[in-house]
C-alpha atoms as a PDB file:
ATOM      1  CA  MET A   1      -3.464  -0.611  17.321  1.00  0.00           C
ATOM      2  CA  GLN A   2       0.110  -0.014  16.038  1.00  0.00           C
ATOM      3  CA  SER A   3       2.491   2.116  18.033  1.00  0.00           C
ATOM      4  CA  LYS A   4       4.672   4.757  16.447  1.00  0.00           C
ATOM      5  CA  ALA A   5       7.341   4.195  19.081  1.00  0.00           C
ATOM      6  CA  ASN A   6      10.876   4.038  17.699  1.00  0.00           C
ATOM      7  CA  THR A   7      12.361   2.003  20.555  1.00  0.00           C
ATOM      8  CA  VAL A   8      11.216  -0.790  22.818  1.00  0.00           C
ATOM      9  CA  GLN A   9      11.509   1.542  25.840  1.00  0.00           C
ATOM     10  CA  GLU A  10       9.318   4.147  24.180  1.00  0.00           C
ATOM     11  CA  TYR A  11       6.775   1.370  23.416  1.00  0.00           C
ATOM     12  CA  LEU A  12       6.746   0.204  27.047  1.00  0.00           C
ATOM     13  CA  ASP A  13       6.522   3.736  28.341  1.00  0.00           C
ATOM     14  CA  GLU A  14       3.375   4.530  26.306  1.00  0.00           C
ATOM     15  CA  LEU A  15       1.478   1.410  27.385  1.00  0.00           C
ATOM     16  CA  PRO A  16      -1.564   1.851  29.662  1.00  0.00           C
ATOM     17  CA  GLU A  17      -0.682   1.031  33.234  1.00  0.00           C
ATOM     18  CA  GLU A  18      -2.711  -2.220  33.267  1.00  0.00           C
ATOM     19  CA  ARG A  19      -0.688  -3.528  30.245  1.00  0.00           C
ATOM     20  CA  LYS A  20       2.851  -2.517  31.345  1.00  0.00           C
ATOM     21  CA  VAL A  21       3.478  -5.434  33.703  1.00  0.00           C
ATOM     22  CA  PRO A  22       2.212  -8.274  31.535  1.00  0.00           C
ATOM     23  CA  VAL A  23       3.839  -6.997  28.325  1.00  0.00           C
ATOM     24  CA  SER A  24       7.101  -6.389  30.205  1.00  0.00           C
ATOM     25  CA  ARG A  25       6.961  -9.871  31.760  1.00  0.00           C
ATOM     26  CA  LEU A  26       6.219 -11.415  28.348  1.00  0.00           C
ATOM     27  CA  ARG A  27       9.260  -9.515  26.939  1.00  0.00           C
ATOM     28  CA  GLU A  28      11.460 -10.714  29.787  1.00  0.00           C
ATOM     29  CA  THR A  29      10.309 -14.276  29.236  1.00  0.00           C
ATOM     30  CA  ILE A  30      11.177 -14.031  25.544  1.00  0.00           C
ATOM     31  CA  LEU A  31      14.554 -12.446  26.212  1.00  0.00           C
ATOM     32  CA  ALA A  32      15.441 -15.085  28.798  1.00  0.00           C
ATOM     33  CA  ASN A  33      14.702 -17.866  26.364  1.00  0.00           C
ATOM     34  CA  LEU A  34      15.600 -16.295  23.019  1.00  0.00           C
ATOM     35  CA  PRO A  35      18.179 -18.359  21.102  1.00  0.00           C
ATOM     36  CA  ALA A  36      21.377 -16.532  20.034  1.00  0.00           C
ATOM     37  CA  GLY A  37      21.267 -14.535  16.806  1.00  0.00           C
ATOM     38  CA  TYR A  38      17.853 -12.913  17.110  1.00  0.00           C
ATOM     39  CA  GLU A  39      17.692  -9.139  17.684  1.00  0.00           C
ATOM     40  CA  GLU A  40      15.076  -7.178  19.572  1.00  0.00           C
ATOM     41  CA  GLY A  41      13.663  -4.028  18.049  1.00  0.00           C
ATOM     42  CA  MET A  42      10.466  -2.455  16.775  1.00  0.00           C
ATOM     43  CA  GLY A  43       8.561  -3.741  13.759  1.00  0.00           C
ATOM     44  CA  TYR A  44       5.041  -3.212  12.536  1.00  0.00           C
ATOM     45  CA  GLY A  45       4.315  -1.067  15.677  1.00  0.00           C
ATOM     46  CA  MET A  46       5.207  -3.890  18.110  1.00  0.00           C
ATOM     47  CA  ILE A  47       8.224  -5.227  19.968  1.00  0.00           C
ATOM     48  CA  SER A  48       9.801  -7.666  17.520  1.00  0.00           C
ATOM     49  CA  TYR A  49      12.470 -10.339  17.400  1.00  0.00           C
ATOM     50  CA  VAL A  50      14.109 -10.730  14.040  1.00  0.00           C
ATOM     51  CA  VAL A  51      16.972 -12.427  12.214  1.00  0.00           C
ATOM     52  CA  PRO A  52      19.252  -9.566  11.170  1.00  0.00           C
ATOM     53  CA  HIS A  53      20.495  -9.150   7.625  1.00  0.00           C
ATOM     54  CA  SER A  54      23.982 -10.096   8.866  1.00  0.00           C
ATOM     55  CA  LEU A  55      22.653 -13.609   9.416  1.00  0.00           C
ATOM     56  CA  TYR A  56      20.058 -13.762   6.617  1.00  0.00           C
ATOM     57  CA  THR A  57      20.886 -11.288   3.841  1.00  0.00           C
ATOM     58  CA  PRO A  58      17.683 -11.821   1.769  1.00  0.00           C
ATOM     59  CA  GLY A  59      15.578 -10.286   4.504  1.00  0.00           C
ATOM     60  CA  TYR A  60      11.809 -10.584   4.631  1.00  0.00           C
ATOM     61  CA  HIS A  61      10.220 -11.541   1.278  1.00  0.00           C
ATOM     62  CA  CYS A  62       7.428  -8.987   1.756  1.00  0.00           C
ATOM     63  CA  ASN A  63      10.007  -6.201   2.036  1.00  0.00           C
ATOM     64  CA  PRO A  64      13.648  -7.385   1.666  1.00  0.00           C
ATOM     65  CA  LYS A  65      14.868  -4.170   3.220  1.00  0.00           C
ATOM     66  CA  LEU A  66      13.459  -5.499   6.529  1.00  0.00           C
ATOM     67  CA  PRO A  67      15.155  -8.210   8.579  1.00  0.00           C
ATOM     68  CA  LEU A  68      13.403 -11.613   8.771  1.00  0.00           C
ATOM     69  CA  PRO A  69      10.745 -11.366  11.508  1.00  0.00           C
ATOM     70  CA  CYS A  70       9.967 -14.296  13.817  1.00  0.00           C
ATOM     71  CA  ILE A  71       8.162 -13.041  16.990  1.00  0.00           C
ATOM     72  CA  SER A  72       6.301  -9.881  17.825  1.00  0.00           C
ATOM     73  CA  ILE A  73       4.352  -8.848  20.966  1.00  0.00           C
ATOM     74  CA  GLY A  74       1.987  -5.992  21.416  1.00  0.00           C
ATOM     75  CA  ALA A  75      -0.878  -4.655  23.444  1.00  0.00           C
ATOM     76  CA  GLN A  76      -4.114  -4.362  21.500  1.00  0.00           C
ATOM     77  CA  LYS A  77      -7.373  -2.810  22.750  1.00  0.00           C
ATOM     78  CA  ASN A  78      -8.836  -6.032  24.108  1.00  0.00           C
ATOM     79  CA  PHE A  79      -5.869  -8.351  24.404  1.00  0.00           C
ATOM     80  CA  ILE A  80      -2.147  -8.792  24.418  1.00  0.00           C
ATOM     81  CA  ALA A  81      -0.918 -10.435  21.179  1.00  0.00           C
ATOM     82  CA  MET A  82       2.056 -12.594  20.462  1.00  0.00           C
ATOM     83  CA  HIS A  83       2.770 -13.254  16.840  1.00  0.00           C
ATOM     84  CA  HIS A  84       5.002 -16.246  16.308  1.00  0.00           C
ATOM     85  CA  MET A  85       5.634 -16.969  12.643  1.00  0.00           C
ATOM     86  CA  GLY A  86       7.166 -20.324  13.515  1.00  0.00           C
ATOM     87  CA  LEU A  87       3.712 -21.512  14.582  1.00  0.00           C
ATOM     88  CA  TYR A  88       2.378 -20.499  11.146  1.00  0.00           C
ATOM     89  CA  ALA A  89       5.237 -22.102   9.217  1.00  0.00           C
ATOM     90  CA  SER A  90       5.645 -25.346  11.144  1.00  0.00           C
ATOM     91  CA  PRO A  91       2.695 -27.711  11.585  1.00  0.00           C
ATOM     92  CA  ALA A  92       4.695 -29.784  14.083  1.00  0.00           C
ATOM     93  CA  LEU A  93       5.423 -26.769  16.300  1.00  0.00           C
ATOM     94  CA  LEU A  94       1.801 -25.678  16.075  1.00  0.00           C
ATOM     95  CA  GLU A  95       0.623 -29.141  17.093  1.00  0.00           C
ATOM     96  CA  TRP A  96       3.048 -29.242  20.029  1.00  0.00           C
ATOM     97  CA  PHE A  97       1.890 -25.795  21.165  1.00  0.00           C
ATOM     98  CA  THR A  98      -1.840 -26.512  20.913  1.00  0.00           C
ATOM     99  CA  ASN A  99      -1.396 -29.799  22.788  1.00  0.00           C
ATOM    100  CA  GLU A 100       0.663 -28.154  25.564  1.00  0.00           C
ATOM    101  CA  TYR A 101      -1.431 -25.043  26.020  1.00  0.00           C
ATOM    102  CA  PRO A 102      -4.266 -26.631  28.049  1.00  0.00           C
ATOM    103  CA  LYS A 103      -1.664 -28.039  30.485  1.00  0.00           C
ATOM    104  CA  HIS A 104      -0.482 -24.481  31.253  1.00  0.00           C
ATOM    105  CA  SER A 105      -3.699 -22.420  31.143  1.00  0.00           C
ATOM    106  CA  LYS A 106      -7.304 -22.685  32.183  1.00  0.00           C
ATOM    107  CA  GLN A 107      -8.177 -20.256  29.386  1.00  0.00           C
ATOM    108  CA  LYS A 108      -9.205 -21.579  26.023  1.00  0.00           C
ATOM    109  CA  LEU A 109      -6.531 -21.040  23.397  1.00  0.00           C
ATOM    110  CA  ASP A 110      -7.450 -17.939  21.307  1.00  0.00           C
ATOM    111  CA  MET A 111      -5.331 -18.105  18.255  1.00  0.00           C
ATOM    112  CA  GLY A 112      -5.178 -17.174  14.583  1.00  0.00           C
ATOM    113  CA  LYS A 113      -2.624 -18.560  12.093  1.00  0.00           C
ATOM    114  CA  GLY A 114       0.362 -17.429  14.160  1.00  0.00           C
ATOM    115  CA  CYS A 115      -1.186 -14.917  16.548  1.00  0.00           C
ATOM    116  CA  ILE A 116      -1.982 -15.882  20.127  1.00  0.00           C
ATOM    117  CA  ARG A 117      -4.357 -13.541  21.854  1.00  0.00           C
ATOM    118  CA  PHE A 118      -4.208 -13.259  25.669  1.00  0.00           C
ATOM    119  CA  LYS A 119      -7.510 -11.657  26.823  1.00  0.00           C
ATOM    120  CA  LYS A 120      -6.719 -12.207  30.483  1.00  0.00           C
ATOM    121  CA  PRO A 121      -3.176 -10.905  30.969  1.00  0.00           C
ATOM    122  CA  ASP A 122      -2.955 -12.409  34.462  1.00  0.00           C
ATOM    123  CA  GLN A 123      -3.265 -15.912  32.876  1.00  0.00           C
ATOM    124  CA  ILE A 124      -0.503 -15.730  30.295  1.00  0.00           C
ATOM    125  CA  PRO A 125       1.336 -19.063  30.470  1.00  0.00           C
ATOM    126  CA  TYR A 126       4.887 -17.629  30.655  1.00  0.00           C
ATOM    127  CA  ALA A 127       6.603 -20.976  31.219  1.00  0.00           C
ATOM    128  CA  LEU A 128       4.997 -22.374  28.057  1.00  0.00           C
ATOM    129  CA  ILE A 129       5.957 -19.247  26.104  1.00  0.00           C
ATOM    130  CA  GLY A 130       9.525 -19.695  27.269  1.00  0.00           C
ATOM    131  CA  GLU A 131       9.538 -23.302  26.012  1.00  0.00           C
ATOM    132  CA  LEU A 132       8.094 -22.137  22.657  1.00  0.00           C
ATOM    133  CA  ILE A 133      10.771 -19.484  22.220  1.00  0.00           C
ATOM    134  CA  GLN A 134      13.551 -21.989  22.893  1.00  0.00           C
ATOM    135  CA  LYS A 135      12.251 -24.385  20.200  1.00  0.00           C
ATOM    136  CA  VAL A 136      13.115 -22.137  17.255  1.00  0.00           C
ATOM    137  CA  PRO A 137      16.845 -21.321  16.990  1.00  0.00           C
ATOM    138  CA  VAL A 138      17.754 -18.927  14.144  1.00  0.00           C
ATOM    139  CA  LYS A 139      19.042 -21.651  11.785  1.00  0.00           C
ATOM    140  CA  LYS A 140      15.876 -23.679  12.229  1.00  0.00           C
ATOM    141  CA  TRP A 141      13.699 -20.629  11.685  1.00  0.00           C
ATOM    142  CA  ILE A 142      15.472 -19.722   8.423  1.00  0.00           C
ATOM    143  CA  GLU A 143      15.018 -23.319   7.208  1.00  0.00           C
ATOM    144  CA  GLN A 144      11.283 -23.326   8.148  1.00  0.00           C
ATOM    145  CA  TYR A 145      10.793 -19.888   6.555  1.00  0.00           C
ATOM    146  CA  GLU A 146      12.489 -20.880   3.315  1.00  0.00           C
ATOM    147  CA  GLU A 147      10.549 -24.133   3.127  1.00  0.00           C
ATOM    148  CA  ALA A 148       7.218 -22.382   3.771  1.00  0.00           C
ATOM    149  CA  PHE A 149       8.077 -19.617   1.341  1.00  0.00           C
ATOM    150  CA  ARG A 150       9.112 -22.046  -1.421  1.00  0.00           C
ATOM    151  CA  LYS A 151       5.848 -23.937  -1.010  1.00  0.00           C
ATOM    152  CA  GLY A 152       3.972 -20.660  -1.301  1.00  0.00           C
ATOM    153  CA  LYS A 153       5.815 -19.784  -4.536  1.00  0.00           C
ATOM    154  CA  LYS A 154       4.869 -23.061  -6.298  1.00  0.00           C
END
């Protein structure tokens, strides 16, 4: 369920009423904890947080014209999704997150490689998300990304 919105505000405005508050709160949590250097915008039909070309000129290997993505959030039909590429690229970060999650939520962690699905929006662990966001400054994300990408090229 990708949006065609061009701006974050357009995206938020088009959300169904029951999704506006949790997605907005998730966005606020990310913005309050986002390390310096990331930029907010739209990517792949979701609200995204990226490393701009001014800080990482190669861009995203899948499409170098795009900035390097790190985090995206979006409302899907049956859940709210948060994609965090750092969880996919860093086994240590993933281990930390999966160990911490049960301390912050009664819901079982529903997760793919780097996608966390929140089926009960009233039970999103915002404090934990804030901690997660703080753990990946831009420089660290670029290092993790390059390391993961080099491994994939071998």
